């Protein structure tokens, strides 16, 4: 019953096609294991601000805009800052790994306390990334310009007939 499989593999080996099959198989596994880098039209805009937030003197405003044509639930967001930047001690997160929690605003869009946010098409949400206040404006701006702020990780659940869940990682 499975003789045709062995015959096909033997033919591939004999004619030098075996390497191509291994490369194609490896690439398909790679594409499945490692998510894509960018989701088209899920846009991120960042700008630094000093003394605009009561709890954190230095923050990065992060605006996420959804123009994908679909509704998405963003959940479990965190960022791992690059070695040039540090988080303030008041920031919550996982101390051993250095991951910092990112919170979304509540229903009134006043208090950053939610870990999930329903982002409809053509809508946006603002959140903050706290930084240690000893960083100079030039340090922060250089990190933003060089895309060396850190790596954002968020779980995206696309609302459709069959919901699709993916972990989205992006260098900011």
C-alpha atoms as a PDB file:
ATOM      1  CA  UNK A   1       0.000   0.000   0.000  1.00  0.00           C
ATOM      2  CA  UNK A   2       2.758   2.454   0.882  1.00  0.00           C
ATOM      3  CA  UNK A   3       5.096   1.141  -1.812  1.00  0.00           C
ATOM      4  CA  UNK A   4       4.443   4.164  -3.987  1.00  0.00           C
ATOM      5  CA  UNK A   5       5.814   6.429  -1.225  1.00  0.00           C
ATOM      6  CA  UNK A   6       9.053   4.447  -1.054  1.00  0.00           C
ATOM      7  CA  UNK A   7       9.258   4.401  -4.855  1.00  0.00           C
ATOM      8  CA  UNK A   8       8.797   8.181  -4.972  1.00  0.00           C
ATOM      9  CA  UNK A   9      11.475   8.731  -2.318  1.00  0.00           C
ATOM     10  CA  UNK A  10      13.867   6.379  -4.116  1.00  0.00           C
ATOM     11  CA  UNK A  11      13.241   8.168  -7.428  1.00  0.00           C
ATOM     12  CA  UNK A  12      13.833  11.565  -5.739  1.00  0.00           C
ATOM     13  CA  UNK A  13      17.113  10.347  -4.279  1.00  0.00           C
ATOM     14  CA  UNK A  14      18.245   8.843  -7.571  1.00  0.00           C
ATOM     15  CA  UNK A  15      17.506  12.001  -9.587  1.00  0.00           C
ATOM     16  CA  UNK A  16      18.825  14.531  -7.041  1.00  0.00           C
ATOM     17  CA  UNK A  17      15.416  15.934  -6.186  1.00  0.00           C
ATOM     18  CA  UNK A  18      15.733  14.802  -2.568  1.00  0.00           C
ATOM     19  CA  UNK A  19      17.505  18.001  -1.522  1.00  0.00           C
ATOM     20  CA  UNK A  20      14.739  20.138  -3.008  1.00  0.00           C
ATOM     21  CA  UNK A  21      12.112  18.143  -1.111  1.00  0.00           C
ATOM     22  CA  UNK A  22      14.034  18.647   2.133  1.00  0.00           C
ATOM     23  CA  UNK A  23      14.363  22.392   1.498  1.00  0.00           C
ATOM     24  CA  UNK A  24      10.668  22.799   0.643  1.00  0.00           C
ATOM     25  CA  UNK A  25       9.646  20.765   3.688  1.00  0.00           C
ATOM     26  CA  UNK A  26      11.974  22.736   5.938  1.00  0.00           C
ATOM     27  CA  UNK A  27      10.664  26.050   4.664  1.00  0.00           C
ATOM     28  CA  UNK A  28       7.056  25.018   5.206  1.00  0.00           C
ATOM     29  CA  UNK A  29       7.831  23.937   8.791  1.00  0.00           C
ATOM     30  CA  UNK A  30       9.721  27.221   9.356  1.00  0.00           C
ATOM     31  CA  UNK A  31       6.754  29.257   8.099  1.00  0.00           C
ATOM     32  CA  UNK A  32       4.395  27.418  10.452  1.00  0.00           C
ATOM     33  CA  UNK A  33       6.598  27.641  13.560  1.00  0.00           C
ATOM     34  CA  UNK A  34       7.712  31.250  13.203  1.00  0.00           C
ATOM     35  CA  UNK A  35       4.927  33.789  12.707  1.00  0.00           C
ATOM     36  CA  UNK A  36       5.191  36.513  10.131  1.00  0.00           C
ATOM     37  CA  UNK A  37       6.796  39.770  11.137  1.00  0.00           C
ATOM     38  CA  UNK A  38       4.093  42.204  10.097  1.00  0.00           C
ATOM     39  CA  UNK A  39       0.342  42.083   9.774  1.00  0.00           C
ATOM     40  CA  UNK A  40      -0.562  44.380   6.915  1.00  0.00           C
ATOM     41  CA  UNK A  41      -2.615  47.410   8.000  1.00  0.00           C
ATOM     42  CA  UNK A  42      -2.270  46.696  11.731  1.00  0.00           C
ATOM     43  CA  UNK A  43      -0.225  49.838  12.310  1.00  0.00           C
ATOM     44  CA  UNK A  44       1.834  50.988  15.289  1.00  0.00           C
ATOM     45  CA  UNK A  45       2.707  54.622  15.987  1.00  0.00           C
ATOM     46  CA  UNK A  46       4.988  55.644  18.852  1.00  0.00           C
ATOM     47  CA  UNK A  47       6.033  58.920  20.386  1.00  0.00           C
ATOM     48  CA  UNK A  48       7.823  59.710  23.652  1.00  0.00           C
ATOM     49  CA  UNK A  49       6.286  61.921  26.329  1.00  0.00           C
ATOM     50  CA  UNK A  50       7.656  63.274  29.589  1.00  0.00           C
ATOM     51  CA  UNK A  51       5.548  64.241  32.643  1.00  0.00           C
ATOM     52  CA  UNK A  52       2.252  63.394  30.913  1.00  0.00           C
ATOM     53  CA  UNK A  53       1.364  60.403  33.099  1.00  0.00           C
ATOM     54  CA  UNK A  54       0.909  60.495  36.877  1.00  0.00           C
ATOM     55  CA  UNK A  55       2.595  57.180  37.681  1.00  0.00           C
ATOM     56  CA  UNK A  56       5.412  57.156  35.113  1.00  0.00           C
ATOM     57  CA  UNK A  57       7.386  60.355  34.339  1.00  0.00           C
ATOM     58  CA  UNK A  58       8.752  58.999  31.021  1.00  0.00           C
ATOM     59  CA  UNK A  59       6.567  56.957  28.693  1.00  0.00           C
ATOM     60  CA  UNK A  60       6.192  55.961  25.082  1.00  0.00           C
ATOM     61  CA  UNK A  61       2.666  56.432  23.769  1.00  0.00           C
ATOM     62  CA  UNK A  62       1.839  53.461  21.575  1.00  0.00           C
ATOM     63  CA  UNK A  63      -1.117  53.820  19.236  1.00  0.00           C
ATOM     64  CA  UNK A  64      -2.350  50.663  17.506  1.00  0.00           C
ATOM     65  CA  UNK A  65      -4.568  51.256  14.451  1.00  0.00           C
ATOM     66  CA  UNK A  66      -6.593  48.510  12.782  1.00  0.00           C
ATOM     67  CA  UNK A  67      -7.240  48.929   9.054  1.00  0.00           C
ATOM     68  CA  UNK A  68      -7.177  45.213   8.251  1.00  0.00           C
ATOM     69  CA  UNK A  69     -10.873  44.931   7.390  1.00  0.00           C
ATOM     70  CA  UNK A  70     -11.388  42.533  10.319  1.00  0.00           C
ATOM     71  CA  UNK A  71     -12.032  42.846  14.042  1.00  0.00           C
ATOM     72  CA  UNK A  72      -9.268  41.585  16.318  1.00  0.00           C
ATOM     73  CA  UNK A  73      -8.966  40.930  20.038  1.00  0.00           C
ATOM     74  CA  UNK A  74      -5.533  41.930  21.319  1.00  0.00           C
ATOM     75  CA  UNK A  75      -4.544  40.085  24.485  1.00  0.00           C
ATOM     76  CA  UNK A  76      -1.582  39.365  26.758  1.00  0.00           C
ATOM     77  CA  UNK A  77       0.641  42.169  25.439  1.00  0.00           C
ATOM     78  CA  UNK A  78       4.161  42.590  26.747  1.00  0.00           C
ATOM     79  CA  UNK A  79       7.396  44.133  25.596  1.00  0.00           C
ATOM     80  CA  UNK A  80      10.987  43.155  26.203  1.00  0.00           C
ATOM     81  CA  UNK A  81      13.071  46.329  26.064  1.00  0.00           C
ATOM     82  CA  UNK A  82      16.445  46.309  24.334  1.00  0.00           C
ATOM     83  CA  UNK A  83      19.529  46.567  26.492  1.00  0.00           C
ATOM     84  CA  UNK A  84      19.872  50.327  25.884  1.00  0.00           C
ATOM     85  CA  UNK A  85      16.602  51.098  27.677  1.00  0.00           C
ATOM     86  CA  UNK A  86      15.369  50.210  31.151  1.00  0.00           C
ATOM     87  CA  UNK A  87      11.919  50.016  32.691  1.00  0.00           C
ATOM     88  CA  UNK A  88      11.147  51.860  35.923  1.00  0.00           C
ATOM     89  CA  UNK A  89      10.895  49.753  39.091  1.00  0.00           C
ATOM     90  CA  UNK A  90       7.157  50.574  39.282  1.00  0.00           C
ATOM     91  CA  UNK A  91       6.462  48.799  35.981  1.00  0.00           C
ATOM     92  CA  UNK A  92       4.855  45.385  36.346  1.00  0.00           C
ATOM     93  CA  UNK A  93       6.137  42.368  34.527  1.00  0.00           C
ATOM     94  CA  UNK A  94       8.246  39.245  34.730  1.00  0.00           C
ATOM     95  CA  UNK A  95      11.471  40.145  36.535  1.00  0.00           C
ATOM     96  CA  UNK A  96      13.657  37.182  35.444  1.00  0.00           C
ATOM     97  CA  UNK A  97      12.906  37.617  31.730  1.00  0.00           C
ATOM     98  CA  UNK A  98      12.596  41.407  31.714  1.00  0.00           C
ATOM     99  CA  UNK A  99       9.162  41.345  30.049  1.00  0.00           C
ATOM    100  CA  UNK A 100       7.018  44.397  30.856  1.00  0.00           C
ATOM    101  CA  UNK A 101       3.235  44.150  30.881  1.00  0.00           C
ATOM    102  CA  UNK A 102       1.351  46.508  28.615  1.00  0.00           C
ATOM    103  CA  UNK A 103      -2.171  47.392  29.703  1.00  0.00           C
ATOM    104  CA  UNK A 104      -5.026  48.647  27.566  1.00  0.00           C
ATOM    105  CA  UNK A 105      -7.458  51.361  28.702  1.00  0.00           C
ATOM    106  CA  UNK A 106     -10.738  50.481  30.396  1.00  0.00           C
ATOM    107  CA  UNK A 107     -14.151  51.170  28.820  1.00  0.00           C
ATOM    108  CA  UNK A 108     -13.905  54.878  29.645  1.00  0.00           C
ATOM    109  CA  UNK A 109     -10.404  54.935  28.124  1.00  0.00           C
ATOM    110  CA  UNK A 110      -9.054  56.562  31.285  1.00  0.00           C
ATOM    111  CA  UNK A 111      -7.260  53.914  33.345  1.00  0.00           C
ATOM    112  CA  UNK A 112      -4.756  51.427  31.858  1.00  0.00           C
ATOM    113  CA  UNK A 113      -5.926  48.218  33.539  1.00  0.00           C
ATOM    114  CA  UNK A 114      -7.107  45.759  30.855  1.00  0.00           C
ATOM    115  CA  UNK A 115      -5.087  42.888  29.356  1.00  0.00           C
ATOM    116  CA  UNK A 116      -7.528  42.352  26.449  1.00  0.00           C
ATOM    117  CA  UNK A 117      -8.958  44.834  23.991  1.00  0.00           C
ATOM    118  CA  UNK A 118     -11.497  44.426  21.185  1.00  0.00           C
ATOM    119  CA  UNK A 119     -10.150  46.471  18.270  1.00  0.00           C
ATOM    120  CA  UNK A 120     -12.697  46.894  15.516  1.00  0.00           C
ATOM    121  CA  UNK A 121     -11.804  47.706  11.923  1.00  0.00           C
ATOM    122  CA  UNK A 122     -10.952  51.407  11.434  1.00  0.00           C
ATOM    123  CA  UNK A 123     -10.553  51.858  15.199  1.00  0.00           C
ATOM    124  CA  UNK A 124      -7.500  52.531  17.319  1.00  0.00           C
ATOM    125  CA  UNK A 125      -6.313  52.105  20.889  1.00  0.00           C
ATOM    126  CA  UNK A 126      -3.653  53.973  22.830  1.00  0.00           C
ATOM    127  CA  UNK A 127      -1.484  52.463  25.503  1.00  0.00           C
ATOM    128  CA  UNK A 128       1.787  53.320  27.212  1.00  0.00           C
ATOM    129  CA  UNK A 129       5.217  51.772  27.604  1.00  0.00           C
ATOM    130  CA  UNK A 130       6.915  53.063  30.774  1.00  0.00           C
ATOM    131  CA  UNK A 131      10.626  53.891  30.744  1.00  0.00           C
ATOM    132  CA  UNK A 132      13.054  54.789  33.499  1.00  0.00           C
ATOM    133  CA  UNK A 133      12.997  58.603  33.871  1.00  0.00           C
ATOM    134  CA  UNK A 134      16.805  58.884  33.862  1.00  0.00           C
ATOM    135  CA  UNK A 135      16.885  58.305  30.094  1.00  0.00           C
ATOM    136  CA  UNK A 136      17.488  61.446  28.082  1.00  0.00           C
ATOM    137  CA  UNK A 137      15.178  62.522  25.263  1.00  0.00           C
ATOM    138  CA  UNK A 138      18.016  61.846  22.798  1.00  0.00           C
ATOM    139  CA  UNK A 139      18.449  58.250  24.045  1.00  0.00           C
ATOM    140  CA  UNK A 140      14.748  57.511  23.654  1.00  0.00           C
ATOM    141  CA  UNK A 141      14.486  59.211  20.261  1.00  0.00           C
ATOM    142  CA  UNK A 142      17.568  57.340  18.989  1.00  0.00           C
ATOM    143  CA  UNK A 143      16.056  54.018  20.098  1.00  0.00           C
ATOM    144  CA  UNK A 144      12.795  54.862  18.319  1.00  0.00           C
ATOM    145  CA  UNK A 145      14.548  55.975  15.117  1.00  0.00           C
ATOM    146  CA  UNK A 146      16.702  52.834  14.984  1.00  0.00           C
ATOM    147  CA  UNK A 147      13.784  50.536  15.893  1.00  0.00           C
ATOM    148  CA  UNK A 148      15.691  49.512  19.008  1.00  0.00           C
ATOM    149  CA  UNK A 149      12.951  50.037  21.592  1.00  0.00           C
ATOM    150  CA  UNK A 150      12.283  46.335  22.085  1.00  0.00           C
ATOM    151  CA  UNK A 151      10.202  43.387  20.942  1.00  0.00           C
ATOM    152  CA  UNK A 152       6.434  43.566  21.347  1.00  0.00           C
ATOM    153  CA  UNK A 153       4.513  40.317  21.713  1.00  0.00           C
ATOM    154  CA  UNK A 154       0.716  40.199  21.604  1.00  0.00           C
ATOM    155  CA  UNK A 155      -1.843  37.472  20.971  1.00  0.00           C
ATOM    156  CA  UNK A 156      -4.222  38.367  18.118  1.00  0.00           C
ATOM    157  CA  UNK A 157      -7.566  36.608  17.863  1.00  0.00           C
ATOM    158  CA  UNK A 158      -9.160  37.486  14.531  1.00  0.00           C
ATOM    159  CA  UNK A 159     -12.950  37.522  14.781  1.00  0.00           C
ATOM    160  CA  UNK A 160     -14.382  35.717  11.779  1.00  0.00           C
ATOM    161  CA  UNK A 161     -16.496  32.634  11.085  1.00  0.00           C
ATOM    162  CA  UNK A 162     -13.701  30.431  12.426  1.00  0.00           C
ATOM    163  CA  UNK A 163     -11.618  32.560  14.838  1.00  0.00           C
ATOM    164  CA  UNK A 164      -7.908  32.537  14.033  1.00  0.00           C
ATOM    165  CA  UNK A 165      -5.397  32.927  16.877  1.00  0.00           C
ATOM    166  CA  UNK A 166      -1.791  33.900  16.300  1.00  0.00           C
ATOM    167  CA  UNK A 167       1.057  35.220  18.399  1.00  0.00           C
ATOM    168  CA  UNK A 168       2.358  38.396  16.851  1.00  0.00           C
ATOM    169  CA  UNK A 169       5.910  39.537  17.530  1.00  0.00           C
ATOM    170  CA  UNK A 170       7.231  42.822  16.242  1.00  0.00           C
ATOM    171  CA  UNK A 171      10.363  44.841  16.763  1.00  0.00           C
ATOM    172  CA  UNK A 172       9.557  48.391  17.769  1.00  0.00           C
END
